[in-house]
């Protein structure tokens, strides 16, 4: 019986740690941020960069895979390109103290720009990319982010061109700073 109670308590504690929800104040703050992100997803700087990658895939990345991406160090020129290009500079100008990460994907789910190296090369097939490509906003759960090491919540919005989703923009927000 003691063993059973111990297992039940451990399961409950582990489950409640993963089931953390945002407070009403955090939910309100996040909703305001989502509205800002929707506007940013239609900004000409974002739209033009995504359209360019959609039109002509980056030649140096045609053979990139998830595994090859994970093996690249953050200082590799293939990684640094996405944090140093003009869209990355624009993203940096939009970063706030709440922002833990920000990246933009082309229609095929591959990277266009980011603040720092992402865990995955492509997010195609994942709701954080597929929902925005269907014109919807996506919101993840509160979790410890693998790429930043911070407890955050991610949201994704479509990059819109003339009423059509052409890419996705994913932003992580620090739960402790979301107010």
C-alpha atoms as a PDB file:
ATOM      1  CA  UNK A   1       0.000   0.000   0.000  1.00  0.00           C
ATOM      2  CA  UNK A   2       2.840   2.425   0.841  1.00  0.00           C
ATOM      3  CA  UNK A   3       4.419   1.715  -2.526  1.00  0.00           C
ATOM      4  CA  UNK A   4       1.136   2.382  -4.312  1.00  0.00           C
ATOM      5  CA  UNK A   5       0.647   5.696  -2.491  1.00  0.00           C
ATOM      6  CA  UNK A   6       4.232   6.683  -3.259  1.00  0.00           C
ATOM      7  CA  UNK A   7       3.767   5.964  -6.961  1.00  0.00           C
ATOM      8  CA  UNK A   8       0.469   7.884  -6.976  1.00  0.00           C
ATOM      9  CA  UNK A   9       2.041  10.914  -5.253  1.00  0.00           C
ATOM     10  CA  UNK A  10       5.049  10.903  -7.595  1.00  0.00           C
ATOM     11  CA  UNK A  11       2.778  10.641 -10.625  1.00  0.00           C
ATOM     12  CA  UNK A  12       0.591  13.482  -9.346  1.00  0.00           C
ATOM     13  CA  UNK A  13       3.566  15.770  -8.689  1.00  0.00           C
ATOM     14  CA  UNK A  14       5.141  15.025 -12.057  1.00  0.00           C
ATOM     15  CA  UNK A  15       1.845  15.562 -13.870  1.00  0.00           C
ATOM     16  CA  UNK A  16       1.063  18.826 -12.091  1.00  0.00           C
ATOM     17  CA  UNK A  17       4.541  20.158 -12.889  1.00  0.00           C
ATOM     18  CA  UNK A  18       3.884  19.619 -16.603  1.00  0.00           C
ATOM     19  CA  UNK A  19       0.308  20.876 -16.439  1.00  0.00           C
ATOM     20  CA  UNK A  20       1.251  24.366 -15.277  1.00  0.00           C
ATOM     21  CA  UNK A  21      -1.111  26.982 -16.614  1.00  0.00           C
ATOM     22  CA  UNK A  22      -0.746  30.689 -17.137  1.00  0.00           C
ATOM     23  CA  UNK A  23      -2.319  33.056 -14.633  1.00  0.00           C
ATOM     24  CA  UNK A  24      -5.158  35.284 -15.862  1.00  0.00           C
ATOM     25  CA  UNK A  25      -2.702  38.224 -15.985  1.00  0.00           C
ATOM     26  CA  UNK A  26      -0.217  36.196 -18.038  1.00  0.00           C
ATOM     27  CA  UNK A  27      -3.003  35.049 -20.371  1.00  0.00           C
ATOM     28  CA  UNK A  28      -4.054  38.674 -20.951  1.00  0.00           C
ATOM     29  CA  UNK A  29      -0.448  39.746 -21.567  1.00  0.00           C
ATOM     30  CA  UNK A  30       0.078  36.854 -23.982  1.00  0.00           C
ATOM     31  CA  UNK A  31      -3.102  37.716 -25.905  1.00  0.00           C
ATOM     32  CA  UNK A  32      -1.803  41.277 -26.367  1.00  0.00           C
ATOM     33  CA  UNK A  33       1.549  39.914 -27.586  1.00  0.00           C
ATOM     34  CA  UNK A  34      -0.207  37.635 -30.085  1.00  0.00           C
ATOM     35  CA  UNK A  35      -1.960  40.662 -31.595  1.00  0.00           C
ATOM     36  CA  UNK A  36       1.423  42.402 -31.953  1.00  0.00           C
ATOM     37  CA  UNK A  37       2.887  39.284 -33.562  1.00  0.00           C
ATOM     38  CA  UNK A  38       0.046  39.052 -36.072  1.00  0.00           C
ATOM     39  CA  UNK A  39       0.888  42.581 -37.241  1.00  0.00           C
ATOM     40  CA  UNK A  40       4.569  41.714 -37.345  1.00  0.00           C
ATOM     41  CA  UNK A  41       3.749  38.647 -39.455  1.00  0.00           C
ATOM     42  CA  UNK A  42       2.446  40.999 -42.145  1.00  0.00           C
ATOM     43  CA  UNK A  43       5.324  43.475 -41.929  1.00  0.00           C
ATOM     44  CA  UNK A  44       6.920  43.954 -45.365  1.00  0.00           C
ATOM     45  CA  UNK A  45      10.385  43.063 -43.998  1.00  0.00           C
ATOM     46  CA  UNK A  46       9.116  39.677 -42.800  1.00  0.00           C
ATOM     47  CA  UNK A  47       6.955  39.017 -45.850  1.00  0.00           C
ATOM     48  CA  UNK A  48       9.677  39.872 -48.370  1.00  0.00           C
ATOM     49  CA  UNK A  49      12.288  37.683 -46.628  1.00  0.00           C
ATOM     50  CA  UNK A  50       9.923  34.703 -46.508  1.00  0.00           C
ATOM     51  CA  UNK A  51       8.824  35.215 -50.123  1.00  0.00           C
ATOM     52  CA  UNK A  52      12.476  35.256 -51.212  1.00  0.00           C
ATOM     53  CA  UNK A  53      13.226  31.913 -49.520  1.00  0.00           C
ATOM     54  CA  UNK A  54       9.956  30.410 -50.775  1.00  0.00           C
ATOM     55  CA  UNK A  55      10.831  31.456 -54.331  1.00  0.00           C
ATOM     56  CA  UNK A  56      14.436  30.258 -54.264  1.00  0.00           C
ATOM     57  CA  UNK A  57      15.541  27.814 -51.599  1.00  0.00           C
ATOM     58  CA  UNK A  58      18.957  28.618 -50.171  1.00  0.00           C
ATOM     59  CA  UNK A  59      21.412  26.547 -52.214  1.00  0.00           C
ATOM     60  CA  UNK A  60      23.784  25.913 -49.301  1.00  0.00           C
ATOM     61  CA  UNK A  61      20.960  24.279 -47.331  1.00  0.00           C
ATOM     62  CA  UNK A  62      19.315  21.978 -49.897  1.00  0.00           C
ATOM     63  CA  UNK A  63      20.798  18.873 -48.221  1.00  0.00           C
ATOM     64  CA  UNK A  64      20.183  20.021 -44.634  1.00  0.00           C
ATOM     65  CA  UNK A  65      18.444  17.502 -42.363  1.00  0.00           C
ATOM     66  CA  UNK A  66      17.335  17.609 -38.742  1.00  0.00           C
ATOM     67  CA  UNK A  67      20.342  15.486 -37.747  1.00  0.00           C
ATOM     68  CA  UNK A  68      22.853  17.595 -39.674  1.00  0.00           C
ATOM     69  CA  UNK A  69      21.317  20.737 -38.136  1.00  0.00           C
ATOM     70  CA  UNK A  70      21.583  19.388 -34.594  1.00  0.00           C
ATOM     71  CA  UNK A  71      25.278  18.589 -35.166  1.00  0.00           C
ATOM     72  CA  UNK A  72      26.151  22.132 -36.279  1.00  0.00           C
ATOM     73  CA  UNK A  73      27.705  24.331 -33.584  1.00  0.00           C
ATOM     74  CA  UNK A  74      26.122  27.744 -33.019  1.00  0.00           C
ATOM     75  CA  UNK A  75      29.169  29.494 -34.499  1.00  0.00           C
ATOM     76  CA  UNK A  76      29.076  27.536 -37.755  1.00  0.00           C
ATOM     77  CA  UNK A  77      28.585  29.949 -40.690  1.00  0.00           C
ATOM     78  CA  UNK A  78      25.512  27.967 -41.793  1.00  0.00           C
ATOM     79  CA  UNK A  79      23.896  28.691 -38.426  1.00  0.00           C
ATOM     80  CA  UNK A  80      25.151  32.247 -38.037  1.00  0.00           C
ATOM     81  CA  UNK A  81      23.669  33.216 -41.404  1.00  0.00           C
ATOM     82  CA  UNK A  82      20.163  33.011 -39.900  1.00  0.00           C
ATOM     83  CA  UNK A  83      21.042  35.176 -36.893  1.00  0.00           C
ATOM     84  CA  UNK A  84      22.935  37.792 -38.927  1.00  0.00           C
ATOM     85  CA  UNK A  85      20.777  38.327 -42.024  1.00  0.00           C
ATOM     86  CA  UNK A  86      18.589  41.459 -42.434  1.00  0.00           C
ATOM     87  CA  UNK A  87      15.453  39.726 -41.141  1.00  0.00           C
ATOM     88  CA  UNK A  88      17.340  38.535 -38.038  1.00  0.00           C
ATOM     89  CA  UNK A  89      18.366  42.151 -37.396  1.00  0.00           C
ATOM     90  CA  UNK A  90      14.704  43.155 -37.686  1.00  0.00           C
ATOM     91  CA  UNK A  91      13.717  40.404 -35.231  1.00  0.00           C
ATOM     92  CA  UNK A  92      16.356  41.667 -32.769  1.00  0.00           C
ATOM     93  CA  UNK A  93      14.793  45.123 -32.933  1.00  0.00           C
ATOM     94  CA  UNK A  94      11.443  43.603 -31.877  1.00  0.00           C
ATOM     95  CA  UNK A  95      12.808  41.506 -28.980  1.00  0.00           C
ATOM     96  CA  UNK A  96      11.606  42.469 -25.497  1.00  0.00           C
ATOM     97  CA  UNK A  97      12.589  41.297 -22.017  1.00  0.00           C
ATOM     98  CA  UNK A  98       9.758  38.751 -22.276  1.00  0.00           C
ATOM     99  CA  UNK A  99      11.125  37.183 -25.482  1.00  0.00           C
ATOM    100  CA  UNK A 100      13.098  33.965 -25.028  1.00  0.00           C
ATOM    101  CA  UNK A 101      13.303  33.052 -28.708  1.00  0.00           C
ATOM    102  CA  UNK A 102      12.005  34.132 -32.075  1.00  0.00           C
ATOM    103  CA  UNK A 103      12.282  32.531 -35.477  1.00  0.00           C
ATOM    104  CA  UNK A 104      10.683  32.690 -38.893  1.00  0.00           C
ATOM    105  CA  UNK A 105      10.057  29.669 -41.136  1.00  0.00           C
ATOM    106  CA  UNK A 106       9.497  29.495 -44.875  1.00  0.00           C
ATOM    107  CA  UNK A 107       6.477  27.643 -46.261  1.00  0.00           C
ATOM    108  CA  UNK A 108       8.412  24.355 -46.186  1.00  0.00           C
ATOM    109  CA  UNK A 109       9.134  24.770 -42.457  1.00  0.00           C
ATOM    110  CA  UNK A 110      12.845  25.566 -42.868  1.00  0.00           C
ATOM    111  CA  UNK A 111      14.488  28.621 -41.371  1.00  0.00           C
ATOM    112  CA  UNK A 112      14.517  32.149 -42.745  1.00  0.00           C
ATOM    113  CA  UNK A 113      15.872  33.951 -39.651  1.00  0.00           C
ATOM    114  CA  UNK A 114      16.143  33.621 -35.883  1.00  0.00           C
ATOM    115  CA  UNK A 115      17.539  35.224 -32.742  1.00  0.00           C
ATOM    116  CA  UNK A 116      19.476  32.089 -31.819  1.00  0.00           C
ATOM    117  CA  UNK A 117      19.871  28.565 -33.169  1.00  0.00           C
ATOM    118  CA  UNK A 118      16.702  26.537 -33.003  1.00  0.00           C
ATOM    119  CA  UNK A 119      16.471  22.910 -31.934  1.00  0.00           C
ATOM    120  CA  UNK A 120      15.087  21.891 -35.326  1.00  0.00           C
ATOM    121  CA  UNK A 121      15.988  22.803 -38.888  1.00  0.00           C
ATOM    122  CA  UNK A 122      12.418  22.334 -40.085  1.00  0.00           C
ATOM    123  CA  UNK A 123       9.174  22.539 -38.160  1.00  0.00           C
ATOM    124  CA  UNK A 124       7.030  21.187 -40.992  1.00  0.00           C
ATOM    125  CA  UNK A 125       4.697  18.514 -39.670  1.00  0.00           C
ATOM    126  CA  UNK A 126       4.503  20.185 -36.244  1.00  0.00           C
ATOM    127  CA  UNK A 127       1.510  22.245 -35.107  1.00  0.00           C
ATOM    128  CA  UNK A 128       3.716  25.289 -34.419  1.00  0.00           C
ATOM    129  CA  UNK A 129       4.261  25.523 -38.191  1.00  0.00           C
ATOM    130  CA  UNK A 130       1.309  23.700 -39.707  1.00  0.00           C
ATOM    131  CA  UNK A 131      -1.387  25.655 -37.799  1.00  0.00           C
ATOM    132  CA  UNK A 132      -0.042  29.056 -38.925  1.00  0.00           C
ATOM    133  CA  UNK A 133       0.281  27.731 -42.481  1.00  0.00           C
ATOM    134  CA  UNK A 134      -3.481  27.062 -42.253  1.00  0.00           C
ATOM    135  CA  UNK A 135      -3.960  30.689 -41.131  1.00  0.00           C
ATOM    136  CA  UNK A 136      -4.375  29.872 -37.425  1.00  0.00           C
ATOM    137  CA  UNK A 137      -2.543  31.026 -34.310  1.00  0.00           C
ATOM    138  CA  UNK A 138      -0.911  28.205 -32.338  1.00  0.00           C
ATOM    139  CA  UNK A 139      -0.086  28.255 -28.624  1.00  0.00           C
ATOM    140  CA  UNK A 140       2.028  25.665 -26.865  1.00  0.00           C
ATOM    141  CA  UNK A 141       2.028  24.586 -23.254  1.00  0.00           C
ATOM    142  CA  UNK A 142       4.121  26.108 -20.526  1.00  0.00           C
ATOM    143  CA  UNK A 143       7.349  24.115 -20.606  1.00  0.00           C
ATOM    144  CA  UNK A 144      11.078  24.196 -20.174  1.00  0.00           C
ATOM    145  CA  UNK A 145      12.345  25.091 -23.638  1.00  0.00           C
ATOM    146  CA  UNK A 146      15.164  22.834 -24.890  1.00  0.00           C
ATOM    147  CA  UNK A 147      16.859  25.543 -26.928  1.00  0.00           C
ATOM    148  CA  UNK A 148      16.758  28.303 -24.281  1.00  0.00           C
ATOM    149  CA  UNK A 149      16.642  26.434 -20.961  1.00  0.00           C
ATOM    150  CA  UNK A 150      13.888  28.774 -19.749  1.00  0.00           C
ATOM    151  CA  UNK A 151      10.327  28.067 -18.672  1.00  0.00           C
ATOM    152  CA  UNK A 152       8.334  29.590 -21.476  1.00  0.00           C
ATOM    153  CA  UNK A 153       5.279  29.420 -23.648  1.00  0.00           C
ATOM    154  CA  UNK A 154       5.553  29.524 -27.421  1.00  0.00           C
ATOM    155  CA  UNK A 155       3.084  31.043 -29.817  1.00  0.00           C
ATOM    156  CA  UNK A 156       3.140  30.913 -33.590  1.00  0.00           C
ATOM    157  CA  UNK A 157       1.427  33.151 -36.088  1.00  0.00           C
ATOM    158  CA  UNK A 158       1.212  33.009 -39.860  1.00  0.00           C
ATOM    159  CA  UNK A 159       3.363  35.195 -42.053  1.00  0.00           C
ATOM    160  CA  UNK A 160       0.677  36.683 -44.269  1.00  0.00           C
ATOM    161  CA  UNK A 161       0.977  37.992 -47.808  1.00  0.00           C
ATOM    162  CA  UNK A 162      -2.224  39.321 -49.330  1.00  0.00           C
ATOM    163  CA  UNK A 163      -4.438  37.197 -47.085  1.00  0.00           C
ATOM    164  CA  UNK A 164      -2.431  34.009 -47.692  1.00  0.00           C
ATOM    165  CA  UNK A 165      -0.158  32.266 -45.180  1.00  0.00           C
ATOM    166  CA  UNK A 166       3.335  31.939 -46.699  1.00  0.00           C
ATOM    167  CA  UNK A 167       5.346  31.015 -43.597  1.00  0.00           C
ATOM    168  CA  UNK A 168       5.268  30.964 -39.820  1.00  0.00           C
ATOM    169  CA  UNK A 169       6.763  33.026 -37.027  1.00  0.00           C
ATOM    170  CA  UNK A 170       7.332  31.378 -33.640  1.00  0.00           C
ATOM    171  CA  UNK A 171       8.035  33.372 -30.494  1.00  0.00           C
ATOM    172  CA  UNK A 172       8.769  32.077 -27.010  1.00  0.00           C
ATOM    173  CA  UNK A 173       7.859  34.177 -23.980  1.00  0.00           C
ATOM    174  CA  UNK A 174       9.348  33.834 -20.507  1.00  0.00           C
ATOM    175  CA  UNK A 175       6.562  32.794 -18.151  1.00  0.00           C
ATOM    176  CA  UNK A 176       8.093  34.718 -15.248  1.00  0.00           C
ATOM    177  CA  UNK A 177       8.318  37.951 -17.267  1.00  0.00           C
ATOM    178  CA  UNK A 178       4.962  37.666 -19.011  1.00  0.00           C
ATOM    179  CA  UNK A 179       2.954  40.412 -17.311  1.00  0.00           C
END
